[in-house]
Amino acid sequence: MRIVFMGTPDFSVPVLEALVDAGHEIVAVYSQPPRPAGRGKKDRPSPVQSKAEALGLMVL
């Protein structure tokens, strides 16, 4: 099945992993843009964006 995944928080990561492990074709992943965080206020990507990039998926 071809899927466009939408999610941002860390509890969405296991769902994305389960879809990939089940053999579904993830066409794209939508997530909120990186936000400033930490003491240096550097942009940090969402957990879903980080996982999608690690899996080689297109992030929009």
N, C-alpha and C. Protein backbone atom coordinates (compact mmCIF):
# COMPACT_ATOMS: atom_id res chain seq x y z
N MET A 1 0.85 -1.17 0.00
CA MET A 1 0.00 0.00 0.00
C MET A 1 0.90 1.24 0.00
N ARG A 2 0.54 2.24 -0.80
CA ARG A 2 1.29 3.50 -0.84
C ARG A 2 0.71 4.44 0.21
N ILE A 3 1.58 5.01 1.05
CA ILE A 3 1.12 5.82 2.18
C ILE A 3 1.90 7.12 2.25
N VAL A 4 1.19 8.20 2.57
CA VAL A 4 1.82 9.47 2.95
C VAL A 4 1.62 9.57 4.46
N PHE A 5 2.71 9.59 5.21
CA PHE A 5 2.65 9.59 6.67
C PHE A 5 2.74 11.01 7.19
N MET A 6 1.89 11.34 8.16
CA MET A 6 1.91 12.66 8.80
C MET A 6 2.05 12.48 10.29
N GLY A 7 3.08 13.08 10.86
CA GLY A 7 3.29 12.99 12.30
C GLY A 7 4.47 13.84 12.71
N THR A 8 4.53 14.19 13.99
CA THR A 8 5.62 15.01 14.50
C THR A 8 6.18 14.47 15.82
N PRO A 9 5.34 14.18 16.83
CA PRO A 9 5.88 13.82 18.15
C PRO A 9 6.53 12.44 18.18
N ASP A 10 7.24 12.18 19.27
CA ASP A 10 8.00 10.94 19.38
C ASP A 10 7.12 9.69 19.41
N PHE A 11 5.86 9.80 19.85
CA PHE A 11 5.01 8.60 19.87
C PHE A 11 4.55 8.20 18.47
N SER A 12 4.83 9.02 17.46
CA SER A 12 4.52 8.66 16.07
C SER A 12 5.60 7.81 15.43
N VAL A 13 6.80 7.81 16.00
CA VAL A 13 7.93 7.09 15.41
C VAL A 13 7.67 5.58 15.35
N PRO A 14 7.17 4.92 16.42
CA PRO A 14 6.90 3.48 16.32
C PRO A 14 5.86 3.14 15.24
N VAL A 15 4.91 4.03 15.01
CA VAL A 15 3.91 3.79 13.97
C VAL A 15 4.58 3.81 12.60
N LEU A 16 5.44 4.79 12.37
CA LEU A 16 6.18 4.88 11.11
C LEU A 16 7.04 3.64 10.91
N GLU A 17 7.74 3.23 11.96
CA GLU A 17 8.58 2.02 11.87
C GLU A 17 7.75 0.79 11.55
N ALA A 18 6.58 0.66 12.18
CA ALA A 18 5.71 -0.50 11.95
C ALA A 18 5.23 -0.54 10.50
N LEU A 19 4.90 0.61 9.95
CA LEU A 19 4.45 0.65 8.55
C LEU A 19 5.57 0.24 7.60
N VAL A 20 6.78 0.71 7.87
CA VAL A 20 7.93 0.34 7.03
C VAL A 20 8.21 -1.15 7.17
N ASP A 21 8.21 -1.65 8.40
CA ASP A 21 8.48 -3.07 8.65
C ASP A 21 7.43 -3.99 8.02
N ALA A 22 6.20 -3.49 7.90
CA ALA A 22 5.12 -4.28 7.31
C ALA A 22 5.20 -4.31 5.78
N GLY A 23 6.14 -3.56 5.23
CA GLY A 23 6.34 -3.60 3.79
C GLY A 23 5.55 -2.57 3.00
N HIS A 24 4.93 -1.62 3.69
CA HIS A 24 4.19 -0.58 2.99
C HIS A 24 5.16 0.41 2.35
N GLU A 25 4.75 0.98 1.22
CA GLU A 25 5.57 1.97 0.53
C GLU A 25 5.22 3.36 1.07
N ILE A 26 6.15 3.96 1.79
CA ILE A 26 5.95 5.31 2.32
C ILE A 26 6.41 6.28 1.24
N VAL A 27 5.45 6.96 0.63
CA VAL A 27 5.74 7.86 -0.49
C VAL A 27 6.40 9.14 0.01
N ALA A 28 5.91 9.68 1.13
CA ALA A 28 6.45 10.91 1.71
C ALA A 28 6.07 10.98 3.18
N VAL A 29 6.80 11.80 3.91
CA VAL A 29 6.52 12.03 5.33
C VAL A 29 6.36 13.53 5.54
N TYR A 30 5.23 13.94 6.11
CA TYR A 30 5.00 15.33 6.47
C TYR A 30 5.22 15.47 7.97
N SER A 31 5.95 16.52 8.35
CA SER A 31 6.21 16.79 9.75
C SER A 31 6.36 18.30 9.92
N GLN A 32 6.20 18.78 11.15
CA GLN A 32 6.40 20.21 11.39
C GLN A 32 7.86 20.57 11.15
N PRO A 33 8.13 21.81 10.77
CA PRO A 33 9.52 22.21 10.51
C PRO A 33 10.35 22.20 11.79
N PRO A 34 11.67 22.13 11.65
CA PRO A 34 12.55 22.16 12.83
C PRO A 34 12.30 23.41 13.67
N ARG A 35 12.39 23.24 14.98
CA ARG A 35 12.14 24.34 15.92
C ARG A 35 13.41 24.62 16.73
N PRO A 36 13.60 25.88 17.13
CA PRO A 36 14.75 26.20 17.99
C PRO A 36 14.57 25.52 19.36
N ALA A 37 15.63 24.90 19.84
CA ALA A 37 15.55 24.21 21.13
C ALA A 37 16.93 24.21 21.79
N GLY A 38 16.94 24.02 23.08
CA GLY A 38 18.19 23.94 23.82
C GLY A 38 18.75 25.31 24.15
N ARG A 39 19.90 25.30 24.79
CA ARG A 39 20.51 26.55 25.23
C ARG A 39 20.98 27.41 24.07
N GLY A 40 21.43 26.79 23.01
CA GLY A 40 21.91 27.54 21.86
C GLY A 40 20.81 27.92 20.90
N LYS A 41 19.58 27.48 21.20
CA LYS A 41 18.43 27.74 20.33
C LYS A 41 18.69 27.33 18.89
N LYS A 42 19.37 26.20 18.72
CA LYS A 42 19.61 25.67 17.38
C LYS A 42 18.38 24.89 16.92
N ASP A 43 18.13 24.94 15.63
CA ASP A 43 16.99 24.21 15.08
C ASP A 43 17.18 22.71 15.27
N ARG A 44 16.15 22.06 15.79
CA ARG A 44 16.16 20.61 15.96
C ARG A 44 14.97 20.03 15.21
N PRO A 45 15.24 19.01 14.40
CA PRO A 45 14.13 18.38 13.67
C PRO A 45 13.25 17.57 14.63
N SER A 46 12.02 17.33 14.21
CA SER A 46 11.11 16.51 15.01
C SER A 46 11.60 15.07 15.02
N PRO A 47 11.16 14.28 16.01
CA PRO A 47 11.55 12.86 16.04
C PRO A 47 11.15 12.11 14.77
N VAL A 48 9.99 12.43 14.22
CA VAL A 48 9.55 11.76 12.99
C VAL A 48 10.45 12.13 11.82
N GLN A 49 10.81 13.40 11.72
CA GLN A 49 11.69 13.82 10.63
C GLN A 49 13.04 13.12 10.73
N SER A 50 13.59 13.04 11.93
CA SER A 50 14.88 12.37 12.12
C SER A 50 14.81 10.90 11.71
N LYS A 51 13.75 10.21 12.12
CA LYS A 51 13.61 8.79 11.79
C LYS A 51 13.39 8.60 10.30
N ALA A 52 12.57 9.44 9.69
CA ALA A 52 12.30 9.33 8.26
C ALA A 52 13.58 9.53 7.45
N GLU A 53 14.39 10.50 7.84
CA GLU A 53 15.65 10.73 7.14
C GLU A 53 16.59 9.54 7.33
N ALA A 54 16.58 8.95 8.52
CA ALA A 54 17.43 7.78 8.78
C ALA A 54 16.98 6.58 7.92
N LEU A 55 15.69 6.51 7.62
CA LEU A 55 15.15 5.43 6.79
C LEU A 55 15.26 5.74 5.30
N GLY A 56 15.73 6.94 4.97
CA GLY A 56 15.87 7.32 3.57
C GLY A 56 14.57 7.73 2.91
N LEU A 57 13.60 8.18 3.70
CA LEU A 57 12.31 8.60 3.16
C LEU A 57 12.31 10.09 2.85
N MET A 58 11.48 10.49 1.88
CA MET A 58 11.37 11.90 1.52
C MET A 58 10.56 12.63 2.58
N VAL A 59 11.12 13.70 3.14
CA VAL A 59 10.44 14.50 4.17
C VAL A 59 10.02 15.83 3.55
N LEU A 60 8.75 16.15 3.74
CA LEU A 60 8.23 17.42 3.22
C LEU A 60 7.89 18.35 4.35
